[in-house]
Each structure stands twice: as C-alpha cells, then as structure tokens.
Amino acid sequence: MFAIYIDASNKIGLGHLSRCLKLSKEISKIKKKTIFLTQSDFSNKKINFKKKFFFKIKNYNKQKLANLLKKNDTKIIIFDIVKKNKLLDYFFFKDKNNTFFKVLIADNYKKIFRPELTFYPFIGNKKTKKNEYSGKDYCVLPKLPIKRKIKRIKNILISMGASDPKHISLLAAKKLLNLDCKLNIVLGKFSKLKKKDFKFLNARKYKFKIYENQKSLKNLMINNDILITNNGITKYEASIMKMPSIIISHDKKSNKFQEKFAKKNNAIFIGHYTSKKINDLFKIIKNLKNDKRKLNELQRKKILLDHHGAKRILSKIIYHYKKYEKN
C-alpha cells in the first residue's frame, strides 16, 4: 500500500493534488492501492475522494496516524508538500526506526527534509545528488494533442490555475481592452473572482466568455490561439500542445525558472504581475498578431515534455524501494 500526503488550498491551488492523482493512477496499474492524507479542507470538498481511501488529519495524533498506516500495510509514503509542518516532523525526524520509505516531491531546491528519495518535477538547472531526480522527465502531465498551425490570433485564453489568489486574470483582461480578439477567461475551482468582476468588459462591448468549473482545459486550448497563464503547470500543458503562451509570474522566487522555461519552449515570459512589464502585454500580443513569422517561430520549437512523468517517478520509487528493503 502507498500513502500520499497532499495539500491544496485557494492559495496553493490544485497543482499538487492533480499531480498526486495522476501518480495514484499509475500506482493502480501495478495493482496497488493508495490512501491519501491531508490537513487541508479544500482537498476533500473540491475532489470526490472515496472515503475509504481519504483521511483528513485535523488534530495531529501520531499514534492514531501510525495505527492507520499500519492497518493499511503502508510501506511507502509520498509527500507532495509546500512547507514544513509538525506532521512532517514526525515522519522525517522522529521516525528513528525508518518505518517508512519516504519520498519527497518538491517545487524548489531548498532541502528541508531527509527523505530516501527526492524529485524536483520542474524545468530548472540542478546537479542532483544521490537519490535525487530533477527536470522535465519528472513533470507530471496528461496526454495532450498537438495544436494545428496558428495562422492568426483571434481567441485568447486566460487561465491562472485553480486559485489565482493575486487576481491576475482580472489584471490581464484590463490590460487587453481594445484589442481586436475574443477573451476566454477560466476561473478555477478556488478562485474568488466571479463573473460580475468582469462586467467592465460588457460595458465596453468587448467579446469575451467566462468559464467556470472546467474539468479539463484541453478543448479550450485546442480552440484558442494563445494562452496567458502563470507559473503553474498549465504552461507545461501548452508546451506539449505547441500552443504559444505568455507567462505572468505570481511568485518572484520562481522568476528565473520561468525565464529559462520560456527560452526553451513556445512561451514569452514578461515577469512578475507587479512589474511594469505587465503593461507590455497588449503590445506583445498585438505584435504577434501582426508578425506571423514570430508566431510560427513559437510553434516550431521542439517539444521537450511528455505525459510519462508519473510513470517515471513510480519506476524510480519501486527501484529504490527494492534496494532499500535489501539493506
């Protein structure tokens, strides 16, 4: 039995949760079950977990937790986390007998735990140490079709992930007023933005449509010509589909990774949402509308990503766990 510890919230978003759900599907292919552990209310409310395999840890009780894991014959625990907490202290620092084989999936290179195995599933430069894996091969993404060749920009898709806590969708829409395109704006499950927040587009008789509770962006990405997104996983999906994208960062710490990603992929990075560069958004899209060569150049870039990330992660986990058992 595998256990996966996850967190999701209106601030964190659903990226971690989505990644772990894909990983659990790969686990089911080897005829193993997964139980989910979380301290987040959002995970259970927004995703229809089977109660039998989903456990909310509200009040930290190490004995109760230990009994739960023992009952389910848990050997491997995967942690997809954002920051340190007391629960993780128990597993990483107080489990002196190494009861569990611990796997960490981290979104940055800051080493705060001591797992048996670590994955950094994003594009960045990292010289990995023993039992560490980093880079594009471990990005967990769905299987997606490649877009047709874009001849001109008519439809713009704005998607800032599940939460968009900085309301970048609203900011982007305001910057694109008077652009001769239709805006298709996706409001994620955790977003506090509502349709009424975009009434100013109605007043200007601007062409737009708001999408809520989207299970998948695939069809929208197929039917739009360019994507405006943040530093979440949507930019990776756009890269697989060869869809030109413009990245607006909501986290300054990740700016260098967004810049490196954009250079290698079909994307343009314009900086943090508080930067003055955000004012160039209108100009950038207008230039792409008028410059077919630049638009085609973005689509011609080699695809660096694929949908086998979860499979690769699981394969490495099983390989290292077998070695761990022998020692």
C-alpha atoms as a PDB file:
ATOM      1  CA  MET A   1       0.000   0.000   0.000  1.00  0.00           C
ATOM      2  CA  PHE A   2       1.140   3.534  -0.852  1.00  0.00           C
ATOM      3  CA  ALA A   3       0.222   6.640   1.139  1.00  0.00           C
ATOM      4  CA  ILE A   4       0.311  10.121  -0.395  1.00  0.00           C
ATOM      5  CA  TYR A   5       0.306  13.263   1.727  1.00  0.00           C
ATOM      6  CA  ILE A   6      -1.082  16.288  -0.132  1.00  0.00           C
ATOM      7  CA  ASP A   7      -2.221  19.838   0.455  1.00  0.00           C
ATOM      8  CA  ALA A   8      -4.466  22.084  -1.612  1.00  0.00           C
ATOM      9  CA  SER A   9      -5.992  25.478  -0.908  1.00  0.00           C
ATOM     10  CA  ASN A  10      -7.075  28.711  -2.553  1.00  0.00           C
ATOM     11  CA  LYS A  11      -3.511  29.949  -2.033  1.00  0.00           C
ATOM     12  CA  ILE A  12      -1.635  26.792  -3.057  1.00  0.00           C
ATOM     13  CA  GLY A  13      -4.033  25.752  -5.820  1.00  0.00           C
ATOM     14  CA  LEU A  14      -4.664  22.261  -7.187  1.00  0.00           C
ATOM     15  CA  GLY A  15      -1.336  21.570  -8.889  1.00  0.00           C
ATOM     16  CA  HIS A  16      -0.002  19.324  -6.123  1.00  0.00           C
ATOM     17  CA  LEU A  17      -3.299  17.475  -5.877  1.00  0.00           C
ATOM     18  CA  SER A  18      -3.569  16.971  -9.646  1.00  0.00           C
ATOM     19  CA  ARG A  19      -0.029  15.599  -9.767  1.00  0.00           C
ATOM     20  CA  CYS A  20      -0.720  13.093  -6.992  1.00  0.00           C
ATOM     21  CA  LEU A  21      -3.982  11.904  -8.545  1.00  0.00           C
ATOM     22  CA  LYS A  22      -2.094  11.093 -11.764  1.00  0.00           C
ATOM     23  CA  LEU A  23       0.561   9.308  -9.729  1.00  0.00           C
ATOM     24  CA  SER A  24      -2.094   7.236  -7.922  1.00  0.00           C
ATOM     25  CA  LYS A  25      -3.462   6.126 -11.307  1.00  0.00           C
ATOM     26  CA  GLU A  26      -0.024   4.775 -12.206  1.00  0.00           C
ATOM     27  CA  ILE A  27       0.111   3.017  -8.841  1.00  0.00           C
ATOM     28  CA  SER A  28      -3.232   1.337  -9.574  1.00  0.00           C
ATOM     29  CA  LYS A  29      -1.748  -0.090 -12.796  1.00  0.00           C
ATOM     30  CA  ILE A  30       0.645  -2.198 -10.728  1.00  0.00           C
ATOM     31  CA  LYS A  31      -2.348  -3.401  -8.686  1.00  0.00           C
ATOM     32  CA  LYS A  32      -1.530  -1.386  -5.594  1.00  0.00           C
ATOM     33  CA  LYS A  33      -3.860   0.936  -3.697  1.00  0.00           C
ATOM     34  CA  THR A  34      -3.266   4.474  -2.482  1.00  0.00           C
ATOM     35  CA  ILE A  35      -4.544   6.181   0.640  1.00  0.00           C
ATOM     36  CA  PHE A  36      -4.488   9.977   0.757  1.00  0.00           C
ATOM     37  CA  LEU A  37      -3.569  12.006   3.810  1.00  0.00           C
ATOM     38  CA  THR A  38      -4.138  15.747   4.141  1.00  0.00           C
ATOM     39  CA  GLN A  39      -4.630  18.551   6.606  1.00  0.00           C
ATOM     40  CA  SER A  40      -6.483  20.624   4.021  1.00  0.00           C
ATOM     41  CA  ASP A  41     -10.256  21.135   3.946  1.00  0.00           C
ATOM     42  CA  PHE A  42     -10.179  22.016   0.261  1.00  0.00           C
ATOM     43  CA  SER A  43      -8.896  18.657  -0.940  1.00  0.00           C
ATOM     44  CA  ASN A  44     -11.929  16.734   0.264  1.00  0.00           C
ATOM     45  CA  LYS A  45     -14.506  19.397  -0.636  1.00  0.00           C
ATOM     46  CA  LYS A  46     -13.315  20.047  -4.162  1.00  0.00           C
ATOM     47  CA  ILE A  47     -12.374  16.492  -5.157  1.00  0.00           C
ATOM     48  CA  ASN A  48     -14.698  13.497  -4.796  1.00  0.00           C
ATOM     49  CA  PHE A  49     -12.431  11.081  -2.996  1.00  0.00           C
ATOM     50  CA  LYS A  50     -13.670   7.675  -1.919  1.00  0.00           C
ATOM     51  CA  LYS A  51     -13.943   7.998   1.857  1.00  0.00           C
ATOM     52  CA  LYS A  52     -12.351   4.603   2.307  1.00  0.00           C
ATOM     53  CA  PHE A  53      -9.055   5.904   0.941  1.00  0.00           C
ATOM     54  CA  PHE A  54      -9.101   9.543   2.071  1.00  0.00           C
ATOM     55  CA  PHE A  55      -8.138  10.619   5.578  1.00  0.00           C
ATOM     56  CA  LYS A  56      -8.312  14.146   6.967  1.00  0.00           C
ATOM     57  CA  ILE A  57      -5.775  14.712   9.729  1.00  0.00           C
ATOM     58  CA  LYS A  58      -7.288  17.612  11.623  1.00  0.00           C
ATOM     59  CA  ASN A  59      -5.798  17.232  15.067  1.00  0.00           C
ATOM     60  CA  TYR A  60      -2.277  15.852  14.968  1.00  0.00           C
ATOM     61  CA  ASN A  61      -2.192  12.463  16.750  1.00  0.00           C
ATOM     62  CA  LYS A  62       0.875  10.415  15.874  1.00  0.00           C
ATOM     63  CA  GLN A  63      -0.391   7.204  17.476  1.00  0.00           C
ATOM     64  CA  LYS A  64      -3.707   7.305  15.613  1.00  0.00           C
ATOM     65  CA  LEU A  65      -1.880   8.036  12.385  1.00  0.00           C
ATOM     66  CA  ALA A  66       0.614   5.227  12.966  1.00  0.00           C
ATOM     67  CA  ASN A  67      -2.253   2.776  13.595  1.00  0.00           C
ATOM     68  CA  LEU A  68      -3.995   3.901  10.412  1.00  0.00           C
ATOM     69  CA  LEU A  69      -0.893   3.344   8.290  1.00  0.00           C
ATOM     70  CA  LYS A  70      -0.149   0.014   9.943  1.00  0.00           C
ATOM     71  CA  LYS A  71      -3.723  -1.154   9.362  1.00  0.00           C
ATOM     72  CA  ASN A  72      -3.356  -0.391   5.654  1.00  0.00           C
ATOM     73  CA  ASP A  73       0.070  -2.065   5.486  1.00  0.00           C
ATOM     74  CA  THR A  74       1.691   1.144   4.279  1.00  0.00           C
ATOM     75  CA  LYS A  75       5.332   0.807   3.255  1.00  0.00           C
ATOM     76  CA  ILE A  76       5.895   3.866   1.044  1.00  0.00           C
ATOM     77  CA  ILE A  77       4.784   7.437   1.794  1.00  0.00           C
ATOM     78  CA  ILE A  78       4.968  10.144  -0.879  1.00  0.00           C
ATOM     79  CA  PHE A  79       4.917  13.772   0.280  1.00  0.00           C
ATOM     80  CA  ASP A  80       3.922  16.475  -2.195  1.00  0.00           C
ATOM     81  CA  ILE A  81       4.182  19.497   0.045  1.00  0.00           C
ATOM     82  CA  VAL A  82       4.641  23.257   0.090  1.00  0.00           C
ATOM     83  CA  LYS A  83       6.126  23.898   3.512  1.00  0.00           C
ATOM     84  CA  LYS A  84       7.225  22.202   6.701  1.00  0.00           C
ATOM     85  CA  ASN A  85       4.730  21.335   9.456  1.00  0.00           C
ATOM     86  CA  LYS A  86       4.509  19.254  12.643  1.00  0.00           C
ATOM     87  CA  LEU A  87       3.130  16.220  10.844  1.00  0.00           C
ATOM     88  CA  LEU A  88       6.148  16.092   8.567  1.00  0.00           C
ATOM     89  CA  ASP A  89       8.472  16.482  11.554  1.00  0.00           C
ATOM     90  CA  TYR A  90       7.061  13.208  12.830  1.00  0.00           C
ATOM     91  CA  PHE A  91       7.866  11.312   9.644  1.00  0.00           C
ATOM     92  CA  PHE A  92      11.210  12.880   8.801  1.00  0.00           C
ATOM     93  CA  PHE A  93      12.811  13.489  12.177  1.00  0.00           C
ATOM     94  CA  LYS A  94      11.075  11.294  14.760  1.00  0.00           C
ATOM     95  CA  ASP A  95      10.757   8.090  12.748  1.00  0.00           C
ATOM     96  CA  LYS A  96      14.137   6.844  14.012  1.00  0.00           C
ATOM     97  CA  ASN A  97      13.441   3.238  13.045  1.00  0.00           C
ATOM     98  CA  ASN A  98      12.830   4.193   9.393  1.00  0.00           C
ATOM     99  CA  THR A  99       9.399   2.581   9.480  1.00  0.00           C
ATOM    100  CA  PHE A 100       8.501   4.027   6.087  1.00  0.00           C
ATOM    101  CA  PHE A 101      10.251   4.564   2.768  1.00  0.00           C
ATOM    102  CA  LYS A 102       9.810   8.320   2.375  1.00  0.00           C
ATOM    103  CA  VAL A 103       9.594  10.098  -0.991  1.00  0.00           C
ATOM    104  CA  LEU A 104       9.537  13.879  -1.356  1.00  0.00           C
ATOM    105  CA  ILE A 105       8.178  15.751  -4.398  1.00  0.00           C
ATOM    106  CA  ALA A 106       9.362  19.346  -4.052  1.00  0.00           C
ATOM    107  CA  ASP A 107       8.731  22.543  -6.026  1.00  0.00           C
ATOM    108  CA  ASN A 108      12.066  24.107  -5.127  1.00  0.00           C
ATOM    109  CA  TYR A 109      15.605  23.042  -4.353  1.00  0.00           C
ATOM    110  CA  LYS A 110      15.544  24.078  -0.695  1.00  0.00           C
ATOM    111  CA  LYS A 111      16.336  20.886   1.214  1.00  0.00           C
ATOM    112  CA  ILE A 112      14.354  20.902   4.473  1.00  0.00           C
ATOM    113  CA  PHE A 113      13.719  17.170   4.898  1.00  0.00           C
ATOM    114  CA  ARG A 114      15.707  13.943   4.771  1.00  0.00           C
ATOM    115  CA  PRO A 115      13.782  11.528   2.561  1.00  0.00           C
ATOM    116  CA  GLU A 116      15.042   8.316   0.986  1.00  0.00           C
ATOM    117  CA  LEU A 117      14.193   9.710  -2.459  1.00  0.00           C
ATOM    118  CA  THR A 118      13.525  13.224  -3.850  1.00  0.00           C
ATOM    119  CA  PHE A 119      12.007  14.511  -7.095  1.00  0.00           C
ATOM    120  CA  TYR A 120      12.105  18.092  -8.391  1.00  0.00           C
ATOM    121  CA  PRO A 121       9.471  17.924 -11.173  1.00  0.00           C
ATOM    122  CA  PHE A 122      10.085  21.190 -12.982  1.00  0.00           C
ATOM    123  CA  ILE A 123      12.425  22.645 -15.570  1.00  0.00           C
ATOM    124  CA  GLY A 124      15.500  24.173 -13.966  1.00  0.00           C
ATOM    125  CA  ASN A 125      19.220  23.618 -13.593  1.00  0.00           C
ATOM    126  CA  LYS A 126      20.190  21.301 -10.763  1.00  0.00           C
ATOM    127  CA  LYS A 127      23.119  18.966 -10.205  1.00  0.00           C
ATOM    128  CA  THR A 128      21.357  16.188  -8.374  1.00  0.00           C
ATOM    129  CA  LYS A 129      22.878  14.272  -5.513  1.00  0.00           C
ATOM    130  CA  LYS A 130      22.421  10.593  -4.737  1.00  0.00           C
ATOM    131  CA  ASN A 131      18.738   9.557  -4.726  1.00  0.00           C
ATOM    132  CA  GLU A 132      17.631  12.866  -6.280  1.00  0.00           C
ATOM    133  CA  TYR A 133      15.962  13.351  -9.670  1.00  0.00           C
ATOM    134  CA  SER A 134      15.297  16.671 -11.343  1.00  0.00           C
ATOM    135  CA  GLY A 135      13.963  18.112 -14.576  1.00  0.00           C
ATOM    136  CA  LYS A 136      11.451  17.774 -17.368  1.00  0.00           C
ATOM    137  CA  ASP A 137      11.323  13.952 -17.295  1.00  0.00           C
ATOM    138  CA  TYR A 138       9.561  14.119 -13.922  1.00  0.00           C
ATOM    139  CA  CYS A 139       6.940  16.747 -14.769  1.00  0.00           C
ATOM    140  CA  VAL A 140       3.591  15.006 -14.289  1.00  0.00           C
ATOM    141  CA  LEU A 141       1.334  15.933 -17.208  1.00  0.00           C
ATOM    142  CA  PRO A 142      -1.615  14.467 -19.126  1.00  0.00           C
ATOM    143  CA  LYS A 143      -1.538  13.160 -22.689  1.00  0.00           C
ATOM    144  CA  LEU A 144      -2.499  16.033 -24.994  1.00  0.00           C
ATOM    145  CA  PRO A 145      -2.850  16.578 -28.768  1.00  0.00           C
ATOM    146  CA  ILE A 146      -0.617  18.928 -30.763  1.00  0.00           C
ATOM    147  CA  LYS A 147      -2.382  22.058 -31.981  1.00  0.00           C
ATOM    148  CA  ARG A 148      -2.899  22.885 -35.600  1.00  0.00           C
ATOM    149  CA  LYS A 149      -0.728  25.613 -37.072  1.00  0.00           C
ATOM    150  CA  ILE A 150      -1.983  29.006 -35.866  1.00  0.00           C
ATOM    151  CA  LYS A 151      -2.413  31.431 -38.756  1.00  0.00           C
ATOM    152  CA  ARG A 152      -3.603  34.411 -36.759  1.00  0.00           C
ATOM    153  CA  ILE A 153      -4.688  35.314 -33.243  1.00  0.00           C
ATOM    154  CA  LYS A 154      -8.447  35.595 -32.846  1.00  0.00           C
ATOM    155  CA  ASN A 155      -9.076  33.937 -29.475  1.00  0.00           C
ATOM    156  CA  ILE A 156      -7.051  34.442 -26.292  1.00  0.00           C
ATOM    157  CA  LEU A 157      -7.287  32.031 -23.374  1.00  0.00           C
ATOM    158  CA  ILE A 158      -6.605  33.373 -19.870  1.00  0.00           C
ATOM    159  CA  SER A 159      -6.092  30.670 -17.248  1.00  0.00           C
ATOM    160  CA  MET A 160      -4.317  31.291 -13.932  1.00  0.00           C
ATOM    161  CA  GLY A 161      -4.790  27.904 -12.318  1.00  0.00           C
ATOM    162  CA  ALA A 162      -7.184  26.747  -9.639  1.00  0.00           C
ATOM    163  CA  SER A 163      -6.987  29.727  -7.305  1.00  0.00           C
ATOM    164  CA  ASP A 164      -5.455  32.855  -8.900  1.00  0.00           C
ATOM    165  CA  PRO A 165      -5.050  34.477  -5.445  1.00  0.00           C
ATOM    166  CA  LYS A 166      -3.468  37.607  -6.964  1.00  0.00           C
ATOM    167  CA  HIS A 167      -6.386  38.074  -9.423  1.00  0.00           C
ATOM    168  CA  ILE A 168      -4.018  38.154 -12.396  1.00  0.00           C
ATOM    169  CA  SER A 169      -6.893  37.091 -14.697  1.00  0.00           C
ATOM    170  CA  LEU A 170      -8.624  40.372 -13.951  1.00  0.00           C
ATOM    171  CA  LEU A 171      -5.422  42.352 -14.400  1.00  0.00           C
ATOM    172  CA  ALA A 172      -4.694  40.703 -17.765  1.00  0.00           C
ATOM    173  CA  ALA A 173      -8.242  41.334 -19.024  1.00  0.00           C
ATOM    174  CA  LYS A 174      -7.948  45.042 -18.161  1.00  0.00           C
ATOM    175  CA  LYS A 175      -4.620  45.312 -19.979  1.00  0.00           C
ATOM    176  CA  LEU A 176      -6.142  43.824 -23.143  1.00  0.00           C
ATOM    177  CA  LEU A 177      -9.019  46.264 -23.559  1.00  0.00           C
ATOM    178  CA  ASN A 178      -9.414  47.491 -27.153  1.00  0.00           C
ATOM    179  CA  LEU A 179      -7.506  44.526 -28.581  1.00  0.00           C
ATOM    180  CA  ASP A 180      -9.382  43.024 -31.524  1.00  0.00           C
ATOM    181  CA  CYS A 181      -9.667  39.495 -30.067  1.00  0.00           C
ATOM    182  CA  LYS A 182     -12.114  37.450 -28.024  1.00  0.00           C
ATOM    183  CA  LEU A 183     -11.097  36.738 -24.427  1.00  0.00           C
ATOM    184  CA  ASN A 184     -11.935  33.328 -22.952  1.00  0.00           C
ATOM    185  CA  ILE A 185     -11.344  33.532 -19.202  1.00  0.00           C
ATOM    186  CA  VAL A 186     -11.176  30.438 -16.978  1.00  0.00           C
ATOM    187  CA  LEU A 187     -12.000  30.843 -13.281  1.00  0.00           C
ATOM    188  CA  GLY A 188     -10.562  27.957 -11.272  1.00  0.00           C
ATOM    189  CA  LYS A 189     -12.248  25.978  -8.515  1.00  0.00           C
ATOM    190  CA  PHE A 190     -10.628  28.010  -5.756  1.00  0.00           C
ATOM    191  CA  SER A 191     -10.816  31.403  -7.446  1.00  0.00           C
ATOM    192  CA  LYS A 192     -12.584  34.158  -5.536  1.00  0.00           C
ATOM    193  CA  LEU A 193     -13.203  36.037  -8.767  1.00  0.00           C
ATOM    194  CA  LYS A 194     -16.782  35.974 -10.105  1.00  0.00           C
ATOM    195  CA  LYS A 195     -18.384  36.738 -13.441  1.00  0.00           C
ATOM    196  CA  LYS A 196     -19.555  40.113 -12.090  1.00  0.00           C
ATOM    197  CA  ASP A 197     -15.921  41.176 -11.659  1.00  0.00           C
ATOM    198  CA  PHE A 198     -15.628  41.272 -15.456  1.00  0.00           C
ATOM    199  CA  LYS A 199     -18.668  43.486 -16.047  1.00  0.00           C
ATOM    200  CA  PHE A 200     -16.376  46.244 -17.294  1.00  0.00           C
ATOM    201  CA  LEU A 201     -15.875  44.141 -20.444  1.00  0.00           C
ATOM    202  CA  ASN A 202     -19.635  44.229 -21.074  1.00  0.00           C
ATOM    203  CA  ALA A 203     -19.668  47.977 -20.676  1.00  0.00           C
ATOM    204  CA  ARG A 204     -17.024  48.284 -23.386  1.00  0.00           C
ATOM    205  CA  LYS A 205     -18.911  45.798 -25.614  1.00  0.00           C
ATOM    206  CA  TYR A 206     -15.835  43.583 -25.636  1.00  0.00           C
ATOM    207  CA  LYS A 207     -16.005  40.000 -26.910  1.00  0.00           C
ATOM    208  CA  PHE A 208     -15.423  37.603 -24.014  1.00  0.00           C
ATOM    209  CA  LYS A 209     -16.681  34.488 -22.248  1.00  0.00           C
ATOM    210  CA  ILE A 210     -16.188  33.270 -18.669  1.00  0.00           C
ATOM    211  CA  TYR A 211     -15.681  29.557 -17.983  1.00  0.00           C
ATOM    212  CA  GLU A 212     -16.199  28.072 -14.524  1.00  0.00           C
ATOM    213  CA  ASN A 213     -15.710  24.562 -13.079  1.00  0.00           C
ATOM    214  CA  GLN A 214     -13.717  23.282 -16.052  1.00  0.00           C
ATOM    215  CA  LYS A 215     -12.587  19.682 -15.560  1.00  0.00           C
ATOM    216  CA  SER A 216     -10.043  19.989 -18.354  1.00  0.00           C
ATOM    217  CA  LEU A 217      -8.547  22.812 -20.411  1.00  0.00           C
ATOM    218  CA  LYS A 218      -7.799  20.577 -23.395  1.00  0.00           C
ATOM    219  CA  ASN A 219     -10.717  21.650 -25.612  1.00  0.00           C
ATOM    220  CA  LEU A 220     -10.289  25.304 -24.728  1.00  0.00           C
ATOM    221  CA  MET A 221      -6.602  25.129 -25.555  1.00  0.00           C
ATOM    222  CA  ILE A 222      -7.375  23.486 -28.903  1.00  0.00           C
ATOM    223  CA  ASN A 223      -9.877  26.226 -29.807  1.00  0.00           C
ATOM    224  CA  ASN A 224      -7.793  29.228 -28.695  1.00  0.00           C
ATOM    225  CA  ASP A 225      -4.759  30.729 -30.373  1.00  0.00           C
ATOM    226  CA  ILE A 226      -2.630  31.929 -27.471  1.00  0.00           C
ATOM    227  CA  LEU A 227      -2.553  31.351 -23.717  1.00  0.00           C
ATOM    228  CA  ILE A 228      -1.928  33.807 -20.905  1.00  0.00           C
ATOM    229  CA  THR A 229      -1.057  31.924 -17.727  1.00  0.00           C
ATOM    230  CA  ASN A 230       1.010  32.000 -14.526  1.00  0.00           C
ATOM    231  CA  ASN A 231       3.916  29.876 -13.268  1.00  0.00           C
ATOM    232  CA  GLY A 232       1.748  26.777 -12.680  1.00  0.00           C
ATOM    233  CA  ILE A 233       1.540  23.548 -14.689  1.00  0.00           C
ATOM    234  CA  THR A 234      -0.730  24.967 -17.435  1.00  0.00           C
ATOM    235  CA  LYS A 235       2.302  26.386 -19.254  1.00  0.00           C
ATOM    236  CA  TYR A 236       3.724  22.841 -19.436  1.00  0.00           C
ATOM    237  CA  GLU A 237       0.486  21.569 -20.998  1.00  0.00           C
ATOM    238  CA  ALA A 238       0.622  24.392 -23.540  1.00  0.00           C
ATOM    239  CA  SER A 239       4.183  23.397 -24.401  1.00  0.00           C
ATOM    240  CA  ILE A 240       3.136  19.793 -25.127  1.00  0.00           C
ATOM    241  CA  MET A 241       0.382  21.104 -27.427  1.00  0.00           C
ATOM    242  CA  LYS A 242       2.706  23.620 -29.146  1.00  0.00           C
ATOM    243  CA  MET A 243       0.420  26.430 -28.043  1.00  0.00           C
ATOM    244  CA  PRO A 244       2.143  29.833 -27.766  1.00  0.00           C
ATOM    245  CA  SER A 245       1.855  31.195 -24.235  1.00  0.00           C
ATOM    246  CA  ILE A 246       2.626  34.315 -22.236  1.00  0.00           C
ATOM    247  CA  ILE A 247       3.694  33.708 -18.651  1.00  0.00           C
ATOM    248  CA  ILE A 248       2.984  36.192 -15.851  1.00  0.00           C
ATOM    249  CA  SER A 249       4.612  35.136 -12.598  1.00  0.00           C
ATOM    250  CA  HIS A 250       2.784  35.274  -9.263  1.00  0.00           C
ATOM    251  CA  ASP A 251       5.886  34.230  -7.326  1.00  0.00           C
ATOM    252  CA  LYS A 252       9.128  36.217  -7.651  1.00  0.00           C
ATOM    253  CA  LYS A 253      11.158  33.272  -6.343  1.00  0.00           C
ATOM    254  CA  SER A 254      10.329  31.283  -9.479  1.00  0.00           C
ATOM    255  CA  ASN A 255      11.133  34.046 -11.978  1.00  0.00           C
ATOM    256  CA  LYS A 256      14.474  32.579 -13.054  1.00  0.00           C
ATOM    257  CA  PHE A 257      12.831  29.204 -13.766  1.00  0.00           C
ATOM    258  CA  GLN A 258      10.053  30.856 -15.801  1.00  0.00           C
ATOM    259  CA  GLU A 259      12.627  32.740 -17.834  1.00  0.00           C
ATOM    260  CA  LYS A 260      14.618  29.578 -18.575  1.00  0.00           C
ATOM    261  CA  PHE A 261      11.442  27.684 -19.463  1.00  0.00           C
ATOM    262  CA  ALA A 262      10.286  30.408 -21.870  1.00  0.00           C
ATOM    263  CA  LYS A 263      13.625  30.454 -23.721  1.00  0.00           C
ATOM    264  CA  LYS A 264      13.476  26.721 -24.435  1.00  0.00           C
ATOM    265  CA  ASN A 265       9.742  26.444 -25.089  1.00  0.00           C
ATOM    266  CA  ASN A 266       6.959  28.156 -27.022  1.00  0.00           C
ATOM    267  CA  ALA A 267       6.487  30.866 -24.395  1.00  0.00           C
ATOM    268  CA  ILE A 268       7.178  34.515 -23.617  1.00  0.00           C
ATOM    269  CA  PHE A 269       7.891  35.473 -20.006  1.00  0.00           C
ATOM    270  CA  ILE A 270       7.008  39.054 -19.047  1.00  0.00           C
ATOM    271  CA  GLY A 271       7.872  38.959 -15.350  1.00  0.00           C
ATOM    272  CA  HIS A 272       6.067  39.290 -12.035  1.00  0.00           C
ATOM    273  CA  TYR A 273       2.499  40.595 -12.046  1.00  0.00           C
ATOM    274  CA  THR A 274       3.621  43.679 -10.064  1.00  0.00           C
ATOM    275  CA  SER A 275       6.318  44.506 -12.606  1.00  0.00           C
ATOM    276  CA  LYS A 276       5.947  47.393 -15.049  1.00  0.00           C
ATOM    277  CA  LYS A 277       6.460  44.834 -17.832  1.00  0.00           C
ATOM    278  CA  ILE A 278       2.835  43.780 -17.353  1.00  0.00           C
ATOM    279  CA  ASN A 279       1.963  46.965 -19.260  1.00  0.00           C
ATOM    280  CA  ASP A 280       3.608  45.405 -22.330  1.00  0.00           C
ATOM    281  CA  LEU A 281       1.009  42.610 -22.521  1.00  0.00           C
ATOM    282  CA  PHE A 282      -1.191  44.467 -25.034  1.00  0.00           C
ATOM    283  CA  LYS A 283       1.816  45.363 -27.179  1.00  0.00           C
ATOM    284  CA  ILE A 284       3.235  41.810 -27.154  1.00  0.00           C
ATOM    285  CA  ILE A 285       0.002  40.237 -28.386  1.00  0.00           C
ATOM    286  CA  LYS A 286      -0.592  42.986 -30.943  1.00  0.00           C
ATOM    287  CA  ASN A 287       2.920  42.399 -32.325  1.00  0.00           C
ATOM    288  CA  LEU A 288       2.265  38.650 -32.552  1.00  0.00           C
ATOM    289  CA  LYS A 289      -0.975  39.384 -34.414  1.00  0.00           C
ATOM    290  CA  ASN A 290       0.980  41.411 -36.960  1.00  0.00           C
ATOM    291  CA  ASP A 291       4.080  39.212 -37.110  1.00  0.00           C
ATOM    292  CA  LYS A 292       3.207  35.747 -38.433  1.00  0.00           C
ATOM    293  CA  ARG A 293       6.892  34.809 -38.596  1.00  0.00           C
ATOM    294  CA  LYS A 294       7.294  35.290 -34.819  1.00  0.00           C
ATOM    295  CA  LEU A 295       4.051  33.402 -34.153  1.00  0.00           C
ATOM    296  CA  ASN A 296       5.200  30.479 -36.329  1.00  0.00           C
ATOM    297  CA  GLU A 297       8.597  30.521 -34.637  1.00  0.00           C
ATOM    298  CA  LEU A 298       6.967  29.944 -31.249  1.00  0.00           C
ATOM    299  CA  GLN A 299       5.094  26.928 -32.618  1.00  0.00           C
ATOM    300  CA  ARG A 300       8.142  25.450 -34.327  1.00  0.00           C
ATOM    301  CA  LYS A 301      10.082  24.935 -31.101  1.00  0.00           C
ATOM    302  CA  LYS A 302      10.871  21.329 -30.231  1.00  0.00           C
ATOM    303  CA  ILE A 303       8.572  19.664 -27.683  1.00  0.00           C
ATOM    304  CA  LEU A 304      10.621  18.944 -24.568  1.00  0.00           C
ATOM    305  CA  LEU A 305       7.869  17.484 -22.389  1.00  0.00           C
ATOM    306  CA  ASP A 306       5.636  14.406 -22.474  1.00  0.00           C
ATOM    307  CA  HIS A 307       2.954  12.617 -20.417  1.00  0.00           C
ATOM    308  CA  HIS A 308       5.172   9.892 -18.928  1.00  0.00           C
ATOM    309  CA  GLY A 309       6.367  11.803 -15.850  1.00  0.00           C
ATOM    310  CA  ALA A 310       4.207   9.903 -13.325  1.00  0.00           C
ATOM    311  CA  LYS A 311       5.314   6.574 -14.804  1.00  0.00           C
ATOM    312  CA  ARG A 312       8.994   7.556 -14.498  1.00  0.00           C
ATOM    313  CA  ILE A 313       8.555   8.689 -10.886  1.00  0.00           C
ATOM    314  CA  LEU A 314       6.848   5.442  -9.895  1.00  0.00           C
ATOM    315  CA  SER A 315       9.508   3.373 -11.675  1.00  0.00           C
ATOM    316  CA  LYS A 316      12.276   5.137  -9.703  1.00  0.00           C
ATOM    317  CA  ILE A 317      10.354   4.719  -6.432  1.00  0.00           C
ATOM    318  CA  ILE A 318       9.987   0.961  -6.935  1.00  0.00           C
ATOM    319  CA  TYR A 319      13.649   0.585  -7.971  1.00  0.00           C
ATOM    320  CA  HIS A 320      14.972   2.430  -4.905  1.00  0.00           C
ATOM    321  CA  TYR A 321      12.487   0.784  -2.548  1.00  0.00           C
ATOM    322  CA  LYS A 322      13.718  -2.688  -3.567  1.00  0.00           C
ATOM    323  CA  LYS A 323      17.293  -1.610  -2.810  1.00  0.00           C
ATOM    324  CA  TYR A 324      16.117  -0.116   0.488  1.00  0.00           C
ATOM    325  CA  GLU A 325      14.457  -3.393   1.516  1.00  0.00           C
ATOM    326  CA  LYS A 326      17.651  -5.359   0.912  1.00  0.00           C
ATOM    327  CA  ASN A 327      19.711  -3.140   3.213  1.00  0.00           C
END
